[in-house]
Amino acid sequence: MSLMRVNPTRMELTRLKRQLATAKRGHKLLKDKQDEMIRQFMLLIRKNRSLRIEVEEALSQIMKKFSMAKLKMSRVGMIEAMMVPSQATTIEVGSKSVMNIRIPTIKYETQKAIDLTYGFAFTPSELDQSIIDLSHLLPKMIELAQLDKSCDMLSKEIEKTRRRVNAIEFIMIPDMTESIRYIQMKLEDNERSNIIRLMKSKEIILEKANQLKEY
């Protein structure tokens, strides 16, 4: 804690007290904001974890089927089968506000049902099933990406807010409090010095008055 450079005057004391009151109000507002952001963050984290486990398990099963299909097909045959998209989709990216933080939103829509565009004569059933399963899983993968980005943005904002809260709580408010105490002590010292001077002056005046009476 370091003492601020201040002039020990009543005007400066009033100004610092006003700033201290503002800092305490700002600290409370930031602390409340931080607590609410942490609550929102925990909700997103729980949802993210649950969805991630579901997506990773489903994706693991899809990759197993796709690996089986690759073993039964040539590389050229696989490339030819994958050349034409089996489904048309649209993705609309937007944002929403959480505690004045803009987090992304992703809207996913399919324009038609899935349609396998290759012939079935030379492709294994594992390829068909992996493509169908992956198309069903895609919306959840997009939602997971949205949750990941939202969690990342919220965590960074929480860290920034935490640093501000700590700076106000452990640096700004203690420095102001110490400076106010210093000014109050200086003013009290000045007041005591003034009283002593007045008392001394009174004693001198009374002493002179008594001397005049003796003459």
C-alpha atoms as a PDB file:
ATOM      1  CA  MET A   1       0.000   0.000   0.000  1.00  0.00           C
ATOM      2  CA  SER A   2       1.428   3.401  -0.974  1.00  0.00           C
ATOM      3  CA  LEU A   3       0.317   6.832   0.160  1.00  0.00           C
ATOM      4  CA  MET A   4      -1.142   8.984  -2.611  1.00  0.00           C
ATOM      5  CA  ARG A   5       0.393  12.388  -3.247  1.00  0.00           C
ATOM      6  CA  VAL A   6      -2.217  14.727  -1.785  1.00  0.00           C
ATOM      7  CA  ASN A   7      -2.421  18.176  -0.287  1.00  0.00           C
ATOM      8  CA  PRO A   8      -3.615  17.957   3.356  1.00  0.00           C
ATOM      9  CA  THR A   9      -6.515  20.362   2.918  1.00  0.00           C
ATOM     10  CA  ARG A  10     -10.205  20.071   3.740  1.00  0.00           C
ATOM     11  CA  MET A  11     -11.097  20.452   0.057  1.00  0.00           C
ATOM     12  CA  GLU A  12      -8.833  17.532  -0.829  1.00  0.00           C
ATOM     13  CA  LEU A  13     -10.317  15.514   2.035  1.00  0.00           C
ATOM     14  CA  THR A  14     -13.838  16.116   0.726  1.00  0.00           C
ATOM     15  CA  ARG A  15     -12.783  15.171  -2.800  1.00  0.00           C
ATOM     16  CA  LEU A  16     -11.131  11.931  -1.647  1.00  0.00           C
ATOM     17  CA  LYS A  17     -14.125  10.938   0.469  1.00  0.00           C
ATOM     18  CA  ARG A  18     -16.368  11.441  -2.549  1.00  0.00           C
ATOM     19  CA  GLN A  19     -14.027   9.357  -4.728  1.00  0.00           C
ATOM     20  CA  LEU A  20     -13.871   6.634  -2.063  1.00  0.00           C
ATOM     21  CA  ALA A  21     -17.665   6.400  -1.952  1.00  0.00           C
ATOM     22  CA  THR A  22     -17.759   6.144  -5.762  1.00  0.00           C
ATOM     23  CA  ALA A  23     -15.035   3.472  -5.747  1.00  0.00           C
ATOM     24  CA  LYS A  24     -16.958   1.396  -3.192  1.00  0.00           C
ATOM     25  CA  ARG A  25     -20.149   1.602  -5.266  1.00  0.00           C
ATOM     26  CA  GLY A  26     -18.212   0.671  -8.418  1.00  0.00           C
ATOM     27  CA  HIS A  27     -16.575  -2.231  -6.593  1.00  0.00           C
ATOM     28  CA  LYS A  28     -19.965  -3.581  -5.506  1.00  0.00           C
ATOM     29  CA  LEU A  29     -21.394  -3.302  -9.030  1.00  0.00           C
ATOM     30  CA  LEU A  30     -18.366  -5.021 -10.577  1.00  0.00           C
ATOM     31  CA  LYS A  31     -18.449  -7.749  -7.916  1.00  0.00           C
ATOM     32  CA  ASP A  32     -22.148  -8.376  -8.606  1.00  0.00           C
ATOM     33  CA  LYS A  33     -21.419  -8.471 -12.340  1.00  0.00           C
ATOM     34  CA  GLN A  34     -18.549 -10.905 -11.780  1.00  0.00           C
ATOM     35  CA  ASP A  35     -20.737 -13.204  -9.644  1.00  0.00           C
ATOM     36  CA  GLU A  36     -23.494 -13.242 -12.269  1.00  0.00           C
ATOM     37  CA  MET A  37     -21.007 -13.906 -15.093  1.00  0.00           C
ATOM     38  CA  ILE A  38     -19.550 -16.818 -13.104  1.00  0.00           C
ATOM     39  CA  ARG A  39     -23.070 -18.209 -12.620  1.00  0.00           C
ATOM     40  CA  GLN A  40     -23.791 -17.943 -16.353  1.00  0.00           C
ATOM     41  CA  PHE A  41     -20.363 -19.418 -17.118  1.00  0.00           C
ATOM     42  CA  MET A  42     -21.005 -22.450 -14.884  1.00  0.00           C
ATOM     43  CA  LEU A  43     -24.341 -23.084 -16.627  1.00  0.00           C
ATOM     44  CA  LEU A  44     -22.630 -22.991 -20.030  1.00  0.00           C
ATOM     45  CA  ILE A  45     -19.766 -25.191 -18.821  1.00  0.00           C
ATOM     46  CA  ARG A  46     -22.141 -27.883 -17.555  1.00  0.00           C
ATOM     47  CA  LYS A  47     -24.079 -27.815 -20.824  1.00  0.00           C
ATOM     48  CA  ASN A  48     -20.824 -27.822 -22.812  1.00  0.00           C
ATOM     49  CA  ARG A  49     -19.457 -30.826 -20.915  1.00  0.00           C
ATOM     50  CA  SER A  50     -22.662 -32.837 -21.288  1.00  0.00           C
ATOM     51  CA  LEU A  51     -22.919 -32.088 -25.019  1.00  0.00           C
ATOM     52  CA  ARG A  52     -19.207 -32.725 -25.604  1.00  0.00           C
ATOM     53  CA  ILE A  53     -19.426 -36.200 -24.055  1.00  0.00           C
ATOM     54  CA  GLU A  54     -22.453 -36.985 -26.235  1.00  0.00           C
ATOM     55  CA  VAL A  55     -20.811 -35.664 -29.425  1.00  0.00           C
ATOM     56  CA  GLU A  56     -17.477 -37.382 -28.814  1.00  0.00           C
ATOM     57  CA  GLU A  57     -19.153 -40.744 -28.167  1.00  0.00           C
ATOM     58  CA  ALA A  58     -21.305 -40.448 -31.293  1.00  0.00           C
ATOM     59  CA  LEU A  59     -18.359 -39.233 -33.376  1.00  0.00           C
ATOM     60  CA  SER A  60     -16.257 -42.151 -32.189  1.00  0.00           C
ATOM     61  CA  GLN A  61     -18.906 -44.607 -33.419  1.00  0.00           C
ATOM     62  CA  ILE A  62     -19.182 -42.771 -36.746  1.00  0.00           C
ATOM     63  CA  MET A  63     -15.407 -42.858 -37.263  1.00  0.00           C
ATOM     64  CA  LYS A  64     -15.353 -46.590 -36.598  1.00  0.00           C
ATOM     65  CA  LYS A  65     -17.969 -47.138 -39.317  1.00  0.00           C
ATOM     66  CA  PHE A  66     -16.128 -44.796 -41.679  1.00  0.00           C
ATOM     67  CA  SER A  67     -12.844 -46.633 -41.035  1.00  0.00           C
ATOM     68  CA  MET A  68     -14.545 -49.926 -41.886  1.00  0.00           C
ATOM     69  CA  ALA A  69     -15.860 -48.397 -45.104  1.00  0.00           C
ATOM     70  CA  LYS A  70     -12.346 -47.185 -46.032  1.00  0.00           C
ATOM     71  CA  LEU A  71     -11.036 -50.718 -45.640  1.00  0.00           C
ATOM     72  CA  LYS A  72     -13.621 -52.008 -48.105  1.00  0.00           C
ATOM     73  CA  MET A  73     -13.139 -49.269 -50.715  1.00  0.00           C
ATOM     74  CA  SER A  74     -10.302 -47.851 -52.742  1.00  0.00           C
ATOM     75  CA  ARG A  75      -9.138 -44.312 -52.111  1.00  0.00           C
ATOM     76  CA  VAL A  76     -10.320 -43.230 -55.583  1.00  0.00           C
ATOM     77  CA  GLY A  77     -13.727 -44.793 -55.013  1.00  0.00           C
ATOM     78  CA  MET A  78     -14.047 -43.027 -51.668  1.00  0.00           C
ATOM     79  CA  ILE A  79     -13.158 -39.639 -53.214  1.00  0.00           C
ATOM     80  CA  GLU A  80     -15.664 -40.145 -56.035  1.00  0.00           C
ATOM     81  CA  ALA A  81     -18.420 -41.063 -53.567  1.00  0.00           C
ATOM     82  CA  MET A  82     -17.739 -37.951 -51.501  1.00  0.00           C
ATOM     83  CA  MET A  83     -17.521 -35.462 -54.387  1.00  0.00           C
ATOM     84  CA  VAL A  84     -21.216 -34.461 -54.432  1.00  0.00           C
ATOM     85  CA  PRO A  85     -22.766 -33.099 -51.201  1.00  0.00           C
ATOM     86  CA  SER A  86     -25.590 -35.220 -49.851  1.00  0.00           C
ATOM     87  CA  GLN A  87     -27.462 -32.365 -48.146  1.00  0.00           C
ATOM     88  CA  ALA A  88     -27.841 -28.593 -48.554  1.00  0.00           C
ATOM     89  CA  THR A  89     -27.560 -26.572 -45.360  1.00  0.00           C
ATOM     90  CA  THR A  90     -27.558 -22.920 -44.308  1.00  0.00           C
ATOM     91  CA  ILE A  91     -25.824 -21.455 -41.268  1.00  0.00           C
ATOM     92  CA  GLU A  92     -26.771 -18.046 -39.885  1.00  0.00           C
ATOM     93  CA  VAL A  93     -24.326 -16.456 -37.437  1.00  0.00           C
ATOM     94  CA  GLY A  94     -25.556 -13.867 -34.925  1.00  0.00           C
ATOM     95  CA  SER A  95     -24.958 -12.808 -31.348  1.00  0.00           C
ATOM     96  CA  LYS A  96     -26.764 -12.269 -28.060  1.00  0.00           C
ATOM     97  CA  SER A  97     -25.953 -10.308 -24.925  1.00  0.00           C
ATOM     98  CA  VAL A  98     -25.039 -11.951 -21.621  1.00  0.00           C
ATOM     99  CA  MET A  99     -24.160  -9.329 -18.969  1.00  0.00           C
ATOM    100  CA  ASN A 100     -23.327  -6.840 -21.765  1.00  0.00           C
ATOM    101  CA  ILE A 101     -21.028  -9.392 -23.440  1.00  0.00           C
ATOM    102  CA  ARG A 102     -21.833 -10.303 -27.029  1.00  0.00           C
ATOM    103  CA  ILE A 103     -21.566 -14.075 -27.405  1.00  0.00           C
ATOM    104  CA  PRO A 104     -22.120 -15.861 -30.726  1.00  0.00           C
ATOM    105  CA  THR A 105     -25.250 -17.664 -31.826  1.00  0.00           C
ATOM    106  CA  ILE A 106     -25.355 -20.079 -34.753  1.00  0.00           C
ATOM    107  CA  LYS A 107     -28.601 -21.051 -36.458  1.00  0.00           C
ATOM    108  CA  TYR A 108     -28.454 -24.244 -38.523  1.00  0.00           C
ATOM    109  CA  GLU A 109     -31.073 -25.255 -41.064  1.00  0.00           C
ATOM    110  CA  THR A 110     -31.252 -28.030 -43.646  1.00  0.00           C
ATOM    111  CA  GLN A 111     -32.911 -27.207 -46.942  1.00  0.00           C
ATOM    112  CA  LYS A 112     -33.770 -30.807 -47.786  1.00  0.00           C
ATOM    113  CA  ALA A 113     -33.565 -34.329 -46.404  1.00  0.00           C
ATOM    114  CA  ILE A 114     -30.293 -36.179 -46.734  1.00  0.00           C
ATOM    115  CA  ASP A 115     -29.836 -37.779 -50.159  1.00  0.00           C
ATOM    116  CA  LEU A 116     -26.935 -40.127 -50.784  1.00  0.00           C
ATOM    117  CA  THR A 117     -25.690 -39.044 -54.209  1.00  0.00           C
ATOM    118  CA  TYR A 118     -23.553 -42.063 -55.066  1.00  0.00           C
ATOM    119  CA  GLY A 119     -24.495 -45.513 -56.336  1.00  0.00           C
ATOM    120  CA  PHE A 120     -24.917 -48.258 -53.767  1.00  0.00           C
ATOM    121  CA  ALA A 121     -23.465 -51.041 -55.903  1.00  0.00           C
ATOM    122  CA  PHE A 122     -19.813 -50.347 -55.090  1.00  0.00           C
ATOM    123  CA  THR A 123     -20.117 -48.686 -51.654  1.00  0.00           C
ATOM    124  CA  PRO A 124     -20.402 -50.530 -48.318  1.00  0.00           C
ATOM    125  CA  SER A 125     -23.306 -49.995 -45.953  1.00  0.00           C
ATOM    126  CA  GLU A 126     -20.870 -48.615 -43.317  1.00  0.00           C
ATOM    127  CA  LEU A 127     -20.260 -45.572 -45.524  1.00  0.00           C
ATOM    128  CA  ASP A 128     -23.992 -44.940 -45.909  1.00  0.00           C
ATOM    129  CA  GLN A 129     -24.593 -45.196 -42.182  1.00  0.00           C
ATOM    130  CA  SER A 130     -21.619 -43.013 -41.233  1.00  0.00           C
ATOM    131  CA  ILE A 131     -22.781 -40.228 -43.585  1.00  0.00           C
ATOM    132  CA  ILE A 132     -26.367 -40.398 -42.287  1.00  0.00           C
ATOM    133  CA  ASP A 133     -25.220 -40.444 -38.648  1.00  0.00           C
ATOM    134  CA  LEU A 134     -22.820 -37.560 -39.236  1.00  0.00           C
ATOM    135  CA  SER A 135     -25.560 -35.442 -40.822  1.00  0.00           C
ATOM    136  CA  HIS A 136     -27.722 -36.043 -37.750  1.00  0.00           C
ATOM    137  CA  LEU A 137     -24.811 -35.157 -35.462  1.00  0.00           C
ATOM    138  CA  LEU A 138     -23.848 -31.959 -37.291  1.00  0.00           C
ATOM    139  CA  PRO A 139     -26.356 -29.672 -35.475  1.00  0.00           C
ATOM    140  CA  LYS A 140     -24.960 -30.779 -32.117  1.00  0.00           C
ATOM    141  CA  MET A 141     -21.397 -30.220 -33.323  1.00  0.00           C
ATOM    142  CA  ILE A 142     -22.342 -26.676 -34.361  1.00  0.00           C
ATOM    143  CA  GLU A 143     -24.011 -26.074 -30.999  1.00  0.00           C
ATOM    144  CA  LEU A 144     -20.871 -27.377 -29.268  1.00  0.00           C
ATOM    145  CA  ALA A 145     -18.718 -24.928 -31.250  1.00  0.00           C
ATOM    146  CA  GLN A 146     -21.053 -22.101 -30.187  1.00  0.00           C
ATOM    147  CA  LEU A 147     -20.816 -23.158 -26.532  1.00  0.00           C
ATOM    148  CA  ASP A 148     -17.016 -23.445 -26.715  1.00  0.00           C
ATOM    149  CA  LYS A 149     -16.679 -19.894 -28.071  1.00  0.00           C
ATOM    150  CA  SER A 150     -19.193 -18.512 -25.562  1.00  0.00           C
ATOM    151  CA  CYS A 151     -17.341 -20.137 -22.649  1.00  0.00           C
ATOM    152  CA  ASP A 152     -14.025 -18.777 -23.930  1.00  0.00           C
ATOM    153  CA  MET A 153     -15.373 -15.222 -24.258  1.00  0.00           C
ATOM    154  CA  LEU A 154     -17.053 -15.334 -20.854  1.00  0.00           C
ATOM    155  CA  SER A 155     -13.929 -16.687 -19.155  1.00  0.00           C
ATOM    156  CA  LYS A 156     -11.817 -13.849 -20.593  1.00  0.00           C
ATOM    157  CA  GLU A 157     -14.354 -11.234 -19.489  1.00  0.00           C
ATOM    158  CA  ILE A 158     -14.544 -12.800 -16.013  1.00  0.00           C
ATOM    159  CA  GLU A 159     -10.746 -12.589 -15.723  1.00  0.00           C
ATOM    160  CA  LYS A 160     -10.746  -8.919 -16.818  1.00  0.00           C
ATOM    161  CA  THR A 161     -13.504  -8.099 -14.329  1.00  0.00           C
ATOM    162  CA  ARG A 162     -11.694 -10.009 -11.563  1.00  0.00           C
ATOM    163  CA  ARG A 163      -8.552  -7.929 -12.130  1.00  0.00           C
ATOM    164  CA  ARG A 164     -10.591  -4.713 -11.955  1.00  0.00           C
ATOM    165  CA  VAL A 165     -12.349  -5.845  -8.770  1.00  0.00           C
ATOM    166  CA  ASN A 166      -9.014  -6.757  -7.156  1.00  0.00           C
ATOM    167  CA  ALA A 167      -7.412  -3.475  -8.248  1.00  0.00           C
ATOM    168  CA  ILE A 168     -10.237  -1.470  -6.658  1.00  0.00           C
ATOM    169  CA  GLU A 169     -10.446  -3.654  -3.542  1.00  0.00           C
ATOM    170  CA  PHE A 170      -6.752  -4.088  -2.769  1.00  0.00           C
ATOM    171  CA  ILE A 171      -5.125  -0.991  -4.298  1.00  0.00           C
ATOM    172  CA  MET A 172      -7.476   1.896  -4.967  1.00  0.00           C
ATOM    173  CA  ILE A 173      -9.686   1.737  -1.852  1.00  0.00           C
ATOM    174  CA  PRO A 174      -6.799   1.104   0.609  1.00  0.00           C
ATOM    175  CA  ASP A 175      -4.749   3.938  -0.962  1.00  0.00           C
ATOM    176  CA  MET A 176      -7.669   6.352  -0.709  1.00  0.00           C
ATOM    177  CA  THR A 177      -8.420   5.246   2.854  1.00  0.00           C
ATOM    178  CA  GLU A 178      -4.782   5.742   3.858  1.00  0.00           C
ATOM    179  CA  SER A 179      -4.655   9.157   2.184  1.00  0.00           C
ATOM    180  CA  ILE A 180      -7.872  10.221   3.953  1.00  0.00           C
ATOM    181  CA  ARG A 181      -6.401   9.080   7.279  1.00  0.00           C
ATOM    182  CA  TYR A 182      -3.201  11.008   6.535  1.00  0.00           C
ATOM    183  CA  ILE A 183      -5.090  14.221   5.696  1.00  0.00           C
ATOM    184  CA  GLN A 184      -7.272  13.867   8.791  1.00  0.00           C
ATOM    185  CA  MET A 185      -4.172  13.423  10.972  1.00  0.00           C
ATOM    186  CA  LYS A 186      -2.475  16.453   9.380  1.00  0.00           C
ATOM    187  CA  LEU A 187      -5.614  18.566   9.835  1.00  0.00           C
ATOM    188  CA  GLU A 188      -5.921  17.448  13.464  1.00  0.00           C
ATOM    189  CA  ASP A 189      -2.226  18.258  14.021  1.00  0.00           C
ATOM    190  CA  ASN A 190      -2.735  21.689  12.453  1.00  0.00           C
ATOM    191  CA  GLU A 191      -5.808  22.254  14.592  1.00  0.00           C
ATOM    192  CA  ARG A 192      -3.939  21.257  17.763  1.00  0.00           C
ATOM    193  CA  SER A 193      -1.046  23.534  16.753  1.00  0.00           C
ATOM    194  CA  ASN A 194      -3.479  26.403  16.219  1.00  0.00           C
ATOM    195  CA  ILE A 195      -5.079  25.804  19.627  1.00  0.00           C
ATOM    196  CA  ILE A 196      -1.658  25.711  21.299  1.00  0.00           C
ATOM    197  CA  ARG A 197      -0.684  28.950  19.530  1.00  0.00           C
ATOM    198  CA  LEU A 198      -3.925  30.586  20.620  1.00  0.00           C
ATOM    199  CA  MET A 199      -3.446  29.433  24.189  1.00  0.00           C
ATOM    200  CA  LYS A 200       0.167  30.648  24.146  1.00  0.00           C
ATOM    201  CA  SER A 201      -0.927  33.995  22.701  1.00  0.00           C
ATOM    202  CA  LYS A 202      -3.604  34.260  25.389  1.00  0.00           C
ATOM    203  CA  GLU A 203      -1.026  33.568  28.086  1.00  0.00           C
ATOM    204  CA  ILE A 204       1.288  36.262  26.698  1.00  0.00           C
ATOM    205  CA  ILE A 205      -1.567  38.770  26.498  1.00  0.00           C
ATOM    206  CA  LEU A 206      -2.670  37.994  30.052  1.00  0.00           C
ATOM    207  CA  GLU A 207       0.908  38.215  31.289  1.00  0.00           C
ATOM    208  CA  LYS A 208       1.359  41.621  29.675  1.00  0.00           C
ATOM    209  CA  ALA A 209      -1.979  42.768  31.079  1.00  0.00           C
ATOM    210  CA  ASN A 210      -0.916  41.731  34.584  1.00  0.00           C
ATOM    211  CA  GLN A 211       2.400  43.548  34.194  1.00  0.00           C
ATOM    212  CA  LEU A 212       0.586  46.717  33.164  1.00  0.00           C
ATOM    213  CA  LYS A 213      -1.656  46.441  36.261  1.00  0.00           C
ATOM    214  CA  GLU A 214       1.415  46.183  38.505  1.00  0.00           C
ATOM    215  CA  TYR A 215       2.795  49.462  37.110  1.00  0.00           C
END
